[in-house]
N, C-alpha and C. Protein backbone atom coordinates (compact mmCIF):
# COMPACT_ATOMS: atom_id res chain seq x y z
N MET A 1 84.21 -160.77 15.14
CA MET A 1 84.52 -159.84 16.18
C MET A 1 83.79 -158.53 15.88
N LYS A 2 83.19 -157.95 16.91
CA LYS A 2 82.51 -156.67 16.76
C LYS A 2 83.38 -155.56 17.30
N ILE A 3 83.51 -154.51 16.52
CA ILE A 3 84.19 -153.29 16.94
C ILE A 3 83.07 -152.33 17.33
N LYS A 4 82.96 -152.04 18.61
CA LYS A 4 81.79 -151.34 19.16
C LYS A 4 81.95 -149.83 19.14
N TYR A 5 80.80 -149.16 19.05
CA TYR A 5 80.75 -147.72 19.23
C TYR A 5 81.05 -147.41 20.69
N SER A 6 81.51 -146.20 20.96
CA SER A 6 81.71 -145.79 22.35
C SER A 6 80.35 -145.62 23.00
N LYS A 7 80.30 -145.89 24.28
CA LYS A 7 79.05 -145.76 25.02
C LYS A 7 78.56 -144.31 25.03
N LYS A 8 79.50 -143.37 25.03
CA LYS A 8 79.14 -141.95 25.01
C LYS A 8 78.32 -141.62 23.76
N ARG A 9 78.75 -142.14 22.61
CA ARG A 9 78.03 -141.88 21.37
C ARG A 9 76.64 -142.51 21.40
N LEU A 10 76.57 -143.76 21.85
CA LEU A 10 75.28 -144.45 21.87
C LEU A 10 74.29 -143.75 22.79
N TYR A 11 74.73 -143.43 24.01
CA TYR A 11 73.81 -142.84 24.97
C TYR A 11 73.45 -141.40 24.63
N SER A 12 74.31 -140.69 23.92
CA SER A 12 73.94 -139.34 23.49
C SER A 12 72.82 -139.41 22.45
N HIS A 13 72.87 -140.41 21.54
CA HIS A 13 71.76 -140.60 20.59
C HIS A 13 70.46 -140.87 21.34
N LEU A 14 70.52 -141.74 22.31
CA LEU A 14 69.32 -142.10 23.06
C LEU A 14 68.78 -140.91 23.84
N PHE A 15 69.65 -140.21 24.54
CA PHE A 15 69.21 -139.09 25.37
C PHE A 15 68.64 -137.95 24.52
N LEU A 16 69.41 -137.52 23.52
CA LEU A 16 68.94 -136.40 22.70
C LEU A 16 67.68 -136.76 21.91
N GLY A 17 67.65 -137.97 21.37
CA GLY A 17 66.46 -138.39 20.64
C GLY A 17 65.24 -138.46 21.53
N GLY A 18 65.42 -138.99 22.73
CA GLY A 18 64.30 -139.06 23.67
C GLY A 18 63.81 -137.68 24.06
N MET A 19 64.74 -136.77 24.30
CA MET A 19 64.35 -135.40 24.67
C MET A 19 63.59 -134.71 23.53
N PHE A 20 64.10 -134.83 22.31
CA PHE A 20 63.41 -134.22 21.17
C PHE A 20 62.01 -134.81 21.01
N ALA A 21 61.90 -136.12 21.11
CA ALA A 21 60.60 -136.77 20.92
C ALA A 21 59.62 -136.35 22.01
N VAL A 22 60.05 -136.36 23.26
CA VAL A 22 59.16 -136.00 24.37
C VAL A 22 58.73 -134.54 24.26
N LEU A 23 59.66 -133.64 24.01
CA LEU A 23 59.29 -132.23 23.88
C LEU A 23 58.37 -132.00 22.68
N GLY A 24 58.61 -132.70 21.59
CA GLY A 24 57.74 -132.58 20.43
C GLY A 24 56.33 -133.08 20.72
N PHE A 25 56.22 -134.21 21.42
CA PHE A 25 54.90 -134.73 21.79
C PHE A 25 54.18 -133.78 22.72
N LEU A 26 54.90 -133.19 23.67
CA LEU A 26 54.27 -132.23 24.59
C LEU A 26 53.77 -131.00 23.84
N GLN A 27 54.51 -130.55 22.87
CA GLN A 27 54.04 -129.41 22.07
C GLN A 27 52.83 -129.79 21.22
N LEU A 28 52.81 -131.00 20.72
CA LEU A 28 51.64 -131.45 19.93
C LEU A 28 50.39 -131.52 20.79
N LEU A 29 50.54 -131.98 22.02
CA LEU A 29 49.39 -132.09 22.91
C LEU A 29 48.92 -130.75 23.43
N GLY A 30 49.82 -129.78 23.55
CA GLY A 30 49.47 -128.50 24.15
C GLY A 30 48.88 -127.48 23.20
N GLN A 31 48.96 -127.68 21.91
CA GLN A 31 48.48 -126.69 20.95
C GLN A 31 47.41 -127.28 20.06
N PRO A 32 46.29 -126.57 19.90
CA PRO A 32 45.24 -127.10 19.01
C PRO A 32 45.66 -127.05 17.54
N ASN A 33 46.31 -126.00 17.11
CA ASN A 33 46.78 -125.87 15.73
C ASN A 33 48.30 -126.01 15.73
N THR A 34 48.75 -127.22 15.57
CA THR A 34 50.20 -127.46 15.68
C THR A 34 50.88 -127.17 14.35
N PRO A 35 51.99 -126.42 14.42
CA PRO A 35 52.75 -126.19 13.18
C PRO A 35 53.51 -127.45 12.77
N TRP A 36 53.90 -127.49 11.52
CA TRP A 36 54.58 -128.67 10.98
C TRP A 36 55.92 -128.90 11.65
N ILE A 37 56.52 -127.86 12.22
CA ILE A 37 57.84 -128.02 12.83
C ILE A 37 57.78 -128.94 14.05
N ASP A 38 56.65 -128.99 14.73
CA ASP A 38 56.50 -129.89 15.88
C ASP A 38 56.51 -131.35 15.42
N TYR A 39 55.88 -131.63 14.29
CA TYR A 39 55.92 -132.99 13.75
C TYR A 39 57.34 -133.36 13.32
N LEU A 40 58.05 -132.39 12.76
CA LEU A 40 59.44 -132.63 12.37
C LEU A 40 60.30 -132.92 13.60
N GLN A 41 60.05 -132.20 14.69
CA GLN A 41 60.81 -132.43 15.92
C GLN A 41 60.57 -133.83 16.46
N VAL A 42 59.33 -134.28 16.45
CA VAL A 42 59.02 -135.64 16.91
C VAL A 42 59.70 -136.66 15.99
N PHE A 43 59.62 -136.45 14.68
CA PHE A 43 60.25 -137.38 13.74
C PHE A 43 61.75 -137.46 13.96
N CYS A 44 62.42 -136.31 14.12
CA CYS A 44 63.88 -136.30 14.34
C CYS A 44 64.24 -137.00 15.64
N GLY A 45 63.44 -136.79 16.67
CA GLY A 45 63.68 -137.47 17.94
C GLY A 45 63.55 -138.98 17.82
N LEU A 46 62.50 -139.43 17.14
CA LEU A 46 62.31 -140.86 16.96
C LEU A 46 63.39 -141.45 16.05
N PHE A 47 63.85 -140.67 15.08
CA PHE A 47 64.94 -141.12 14.21
C PHE A 47 66.22 -141.32 15.01
N ALA A 48 66.53 -140.40 15.93
CA ALA A 48 67.74 -140.52 16.75
C ALA A 48 67.64 -141.71 17.70
N VAL A 49 66.47 -141.95 18.25
CA VAL A 49 66.29 -143.14 19.11
C VAL A 49 66.44 -144.40 18.26
N GLY A 50 65.89 -144.39 17.06
CA GLY A 50 66.08 -145.53 16.15
C GLY A 50 67.53 -145.75 15.80
N ALA A 51 68.29 -144.66 15.61
CA ALA A 51 69.72 -144.76 15.34
C ALA A 51 70.44 -145.40 16.52
N TYR A 52 70.02 -145.07 17.74
CA TYR A 52 70.60 -145.70 18.93
C TYR A 52 70.41 -147.22 18.88
N PHE A 53 69.18 -147.67 18.62
CA PHE A 53 68.91 -149.10 18.59
C PHE A 53 69.65 -149.80 17.46
N TYR A 54 69.71 -149.17 16.29
CA TYR A 54 70.43 -149.75 15.15
C TYR A 54 71.91 -149.88 15.47
N GLU A 55 72.51 -148.80 15.98
CA GLU A 55 73.95 -148.80 16.27
C GLU A 55 74.29 -149.72 17.43
N SER A 56 73.44 -149.81 18.43
CA SER A 56 73.75 -150.70 19.55
C SER A 56 73.61 -152.17 19.16
N HIS A 57 72.76 -152.47 18.19
CA HIS A 57 72.60 -153.86 17.75
C HIS A 57 73.72 -154.27 16.79
N PHE A 58 73.98 -153.47 15.77
CA PHE A 58 74.94 -153.85 14.74
C PHE A 58 76.36 -153.40 15.04
N GLN A 59 76.53 -152.36 15.84
CA GLN A 59 77.83 -151.78 16.19
C GLN A 59 78.51 -151.20 14.95
N TYR A 60 79.74 -150.67 15.11
CA TYR A 60 80.39 -149.90 14.04
C TYR A 60 80.99 -150.81 12.96
N LEU A 61 81.79 -151.78 13.37
CA LEU A 61 82.45 -152.67 12.42
C LEU A 61 82.29 -154.12 12.86
N ASN A 62 82.25 -155.01 11.89
CA ASN A 62 82.29 -156.45 12.15
C ASN A 62 83.44 -157.04 11.34
N ILE A 63 84.19 -157.94 11.97
CA ILE A 63 85.23 -158.67 11.27
C ILE A 63 84.89 -160.15 11.41
N ASP A 64 84.45 -160.75 10.31
CA ASP A 64 84.06 -162.16 10.30
C ASP A 64 84.60 -162.82 9.04
N ASN A 65 85.22 -163.97 9.20
CA ASN A 65 85.73 -164.77 8.08
C ASN A 65 86.57 -163.96 7.11
N GLY A 66 87.40 -163.07 7.64
CA GLY A 66 88.30 -162.29 6.79
C GLY A 66 87.65 -161.14 6.05
N ILE A 67 86.43 -160.77 6.45
CA ILE A 67 85.73 -159.66 5.82
C ILE A 67 85.43 -158.61 6.87
N LEU A 68 85.83 -157.37 6.59
CA LEU A 68 85.57 -156.24 7.46
C LEU A 68 84.35 -155.50 6.91
N THR A 69 83.32 -155.35 7.73
CA THR A 69 82.09 -154.69 7.31
C THR A 69 81.84 -153.48 8.17
N LYS A 70 81.61 -152.33 7.52
CA LYS A 70 81.26 -151.09 8.22
C LYS A 70 79.75 -150.97 8.18
N ASN A 71 79.12 -150.95 9.35
CA ASN A 71 77.66 -150.95 9.46
C ASN A 71 77.13 -149.52 9.55
N THR A 72 76.89 -148.94 8.40
CA THR A 72 76.22 -147.65 8.33
C THR A 72 74.95 -147.87 7.51
N LEU A 73 74.25 -146.81 7.15
CA LEU A 73 73.04 -147.01 6.35
C LEU A 73 73.36 -147.73 5.04
N ARG A 74 74.51 -147.42 4.46
CA ARG A 74 75.00 -148.18 3.30
C ARG A 74 76.17 -149.02 3.79
N LYS A 75 75.92 -150.30 4.04
CA LYS A 75 76.99 -151.17 4.52
C LYS A 75 78.08 -151.28 3.46
N LYS A 76 79.31 -151.28 3.94
CA LYS A 76 80.44 -151.40 3.03
C LYS A 76 81.36 -152.47 3.59
N SER A 77 81.84 -153.35 2.72
CA SER A 77 82.68 -154.46 3.14
C SER A 77 83.97 -154.50 2.33
N LEU A 78 85.02 -154.97 2.98
CA LEU A 78 86.31 -155.22 2.34
C LEU A 78 86.83 -156.56 2.80
N GLN A 79 87.46 -157.29 1.90
CA GLN A 79 88.15 -158.50 2.30
C GLN A 79 89.52 -158.10 2.83
N LEU A 80 89.85 -158.59 4.01
CA LEU A 80 91.11 -158.19 4.65
C LEU A 80 92.32 -158.60 3.83
N ASP A 81 92.25 -159.74 3.15
CA ASP A 81 93.41 -160.18 2.38
C ASP A 81 93.61 -159.39 1.07
N LYS A 82 92.64 -158.57 0.69
CA LYS A 82 92.77 -157.74 -0.52
C LYS A 82 93.22 -156.32 -0.21
N ILE A 83 93.41 -156.00 1.06
CA ILE A 83 93.87 -154.66 1.43
C ILE A 83 95.32 -154.51 0.99
N GLU A 84 95.58 -153.45 0.23
CA GLU A 84 96.91 -153.20 -0.31
C GLU A 84 97.67 -152.12 0.46
N ARG A 85 96.94 -151.21 1.09
CA ARG A 85 97.59 -150.09 1.75
C ARG A 85 96.73 -149.61 2.91
N ILE A 86 97.39 -149.19 3.98
CA ILE A 86 96.71 -148.63 5.14
C ILE A 86 97.34 -147.27 5.44
N GLN A 87 96.50 -146.26 5.59
CA GLN A 87 96.97 -144.95 6.01
C GLN A 87 96.38 -144.64 7.37
N SER A 88 97.21 -144.12 8.25
CA SER A 88 96.77 -143.78 9.59
C SER A 88 96.90 -142.28 9.80
N PHE A 89 95.82 -141.65 10.21
CA PHE A 89 95.78 -140.23 10.54
C PHE A 89 95.23 -140.11 11.96
N PRO A 90 95.44 -138.98 12.62
CA PRO A 90 94.83 -138.82 13.94
C PRO A 90 93.31 -138.91 13.85
N GLY A 91 92.73 -139.90 14.50
CA GLY A 91 91.28 -140.07 14.50
C GLY A 91 90.72 -140.78 13.29
N LYS A 92 91.56 -141.23 12.38
CA LYS A 92 91.04 -141.85 11.15
C LYS A 92 92.03 -142.88 10.61
N ILE A 93 91.48 -143.96 10.07
CA ILE A 93 92.26 -144.98 9.38
C ILE A 93 91.62 -145.18 8.02
N LYS A 94 92.45 -145.20 6.98
CA LYS A 94 91.94 -145.46 5.63
C LYS A 94 92.53 -146.77 5.13
N LEU A 95 91.65 -147.65 4.64
CA LEU A 95 92.05 -148.93 4.08
C LEU A 95 91.79 -148.89 2.58
N PHE A 96 92.77 -149.32 1.79
CA PHE A 96 92.66 -149.26 0.34
C PHE A 96 92.82 -150.65 -0.26
N THR A 97 91.95 -150.97 -1.22
CA THR A 97 92.14 -152.14 -2.08
C THR A 97 92.35 -151.59 -3.48
N SER A 98 92.46 -152.47 -4.46
CA SER A 98 92.66 -151.99 -5.83
C SER A 98 91.40 -151.29 -6.38
N GLU A 99 90.22 -151.66 -5.88
CA GLU A 99 88.98 -151.09 -6.41
C GLU A 99 88.34 -150.03 -5.51
N GLU A 100 88.51 -150.11 -4.20
CA GLU A 100 87.77 -149.23 -3.31
C GLU A 100 88.57 -148.88 -2.07
N LYS A 101 88.00 -147.95 -1.28
CA LYS A 101 88.63 -147.59 -0.02
C LYS A 101 87.56 -147.53 1.07
N LEU A 102 88.01 -147.68 2.29
CA LEU A 102 87.11 -147.64 3.45
C LEU A 102 87.76 -146.76 4.50
N SER A 103 87.01 -145.81 4.99
CA SER A 103 87.51 -144.90 6.01
C SER A 103 86.87 -145.26 7.35
N ILE A 104 87.70 -145.33 8.38
CA ILE A 104 87.24 -145.69 9.72
C ILE A 104 87.53 -144.53 10.65
N ASN A 105 86.51 -144.02 11.31
CA ASN A 105 86.67 -142.94 12.29
C ASN A 105 86.95 -143.59 13.64
N THR A 106 88.19 -143.53 14.10
CA THR A 106 88.56 -144.21 15.35
C THR A 106 88.05 -143.49 16.59
N GLU A 107 87.61 -142.25 16.45
CA GLU A 107 87.08 -141.53 17.61
C GLU A 107 85.69 -142.02 18.01
N LEU A 108 85.02 -142.74 17.12
CA LEU A 108 83.70 -143.28 17.43
C LEU A 108 83.76 -144.63 18.13
N ILE A 109 84.96 -145.21 18.21
CA ILE A 109 85.11 -146.58 18.67
C ILE A 109 85.45 -146.63 20.16
N ASP A 110 84.88 -147.61 20.85
CA ASP A 110 85.18 -147.88 22.25
C ASP A 110 86.67 -148.21 22.39
N ASP A 111 87.29 -147.84 23.52
CA ASP A 111 88.73 -148.02 23.70
C ASP A 111 89.17 -149.48 23.57
N ASP A 112 88.46 -150.40 24.18
CA ASP A 112 88.84 -151.82 24.09
C ASP A 112 88.70 -152.34 22.66
N SER A 113 87.65 -151.91 21.98
CA SER A 113 87.45 -152.33 20.59
C SER A 113 88.50 -151.73 19.67
N ARG A 114 88.94 -150.50 19.98
CA ARG A 114 89.99 -149.87 19.17
C ARG A 114 91.27 -150.70 19.24
N LYS A 115 91.59 -151.19 20.42
CA LYS A 115 92.78 -152.03 20.58
C LYS A 115 92.65 -153.31 19.74
N ASP A 116 91.47 -153.93 19.78
CA ASP A 116 91.24 -155.14 18.98
C ASP A 116 91.38 -154.86 17.49
N LEU A 117 90.85 -153.71 17.04
CA LEU A 117 90.95 -153.34 15.63
C LEU A 117 92.40 -153.15 15.22
N LEU A 118 93.17 -152.44 16.03
CA LEU A 118 94.57 -152.18 15.68
C LEU A 118 95.39 -153.47 15.69
N ILE A 119 95.09 -154.39 16.59
CA ILE A 119 95.77 -155.68 16.59
C ILE A 119 95.43 -156.45 15.31
N SER A 120 94.15 -156.44 14.92
CA SER A 120 93.73 -157.13 13.69
C SER A 120 94.40 -156.53 12.46
N LEU A 121 94.45 -155.20 12.39
CA LEU A 121 95.09 -154.56 11.25
C LEU A 121 96.60 -154.78 11.27
N GLY A 122 97.19 -154.85 12.44
CA GLY A 122 98.62 -155.09 12.55
C GLY A 122 99.03 -156.48 12.12
N SER A 123 98.09 -157.42 12.17
CA SER A 123 98.41 -158.79 11.76
C SER A 123 98.41 -158.97 10.24
N LEU A 124 97.94 -157.97 9.50
CA LEU A 124 97.94 -158.06 8.04
C LEU A 124 99.35 -157.89 7.50
N GLU A 125 99.70 -158.69 6.53
CA GLU A 125 101.04 -158.62 5.94
C GLU A 125 100.98 -157.67 4.74
N ILE A 126 101.15 -156.40 5.05
CA ILE A 126 101.09 -155.34 4.05
C ILE A 126 102.36 -154.51 4.19
N GLU A 127 102.92 -154.11 3.05
CA GLU A 127 104.11 -153.28 3.08
C GLU A 127 103.78 -151.93 3.71
N ASN A 128 104.65 -151.46 4.59
CA ASN A 128 104.49 -150.18 5.29
C ASN A 128 103.22 -150.14 6.15
N ASN A 129 102.87 -151.26 6.78
CA ASN A 129 101.72 -151.32 7.67
C ASN A 129 102.06 -150.56 8.96
N PRO A 130 101.33 -149.46 9.26
CA PRO A 130 101.67 -148.68 10.45
C PRO A 130 101.33 -149.38 11.77
N PHE A 131 100.62 -150.49 11.71
CA PHE A 131 100.19 -151.17 12.94
C PHE A 131 100.90 -152.50 13.18
N ILE A 132 101.93 -152.81 12.40
CA ILE A 132 102.68 -154.06 12.61
C ILE A 132 103.30 -154.01 13.99
N GLY A 133 103.14 -155.09 14.71
CA GLY A 133 103.72 -155.18 16.04
C GLY A 133 102.98 -154.38 17.10
N TYR A 134 101.76 -153.91 16.78
CA TYR A 134 101.01 -153.14 17.75
C TYR A 134 100.64 -154.02 18.94
N SER A 135 100.97 -153.55 20.10
CA SER A 135 100.50 -154.22 21.31
C SER A 135 100.01 -153.13 22.25
N PRO A 136 98.81 -153.31 22.79
CA PRO A 136 98.25 -152.26 23.64
C PRO A 136 99.08 -152.07 24.90
N LYS A 137 99.15 -150.82 25.33
CA LYS A 137 99.86 -150.51 26.56
C LYS A 137 99.01 -150.95 27.75
N THR A 138 99.61 -151.67 28.64
CA THR A 138 98.89 -152.10 29.83
C THR A 138 99.35 -151.24 30.99
N SER A 139 98.38 -150.69 31.69
CA SER A 139 98.75 -149.86 32.84
C SER A 139 97.86 -150.14 34.01
């Protein structure tokens, strides 16, 4: 199961990156002696567009075969059955095992995917699980 980024986040990366890249290219074409900052602007724009493609392909989290993987530049994985404690804060969920922890920013997640994540976490048999019995509100 993929836990997706919100569309707002993805499209803001694409829009801002495209704008930076286009404006940087226009400045490079318009000036014979281009300063290094114009090259930096083009690089940052292309990096943001690349981040859009990376995030739209891999998405924020994957849950496969009992393993939760956070897809950032440094991928981090936890086995769901080894989670010992879950802490819930506004906009953030922290998962703890005996060796490591994983922090999830719930504000980056699409609403439908957030519901799927909370249902998956609620199904874990952990003492003091804040998501036990979670069922999304239907309206």
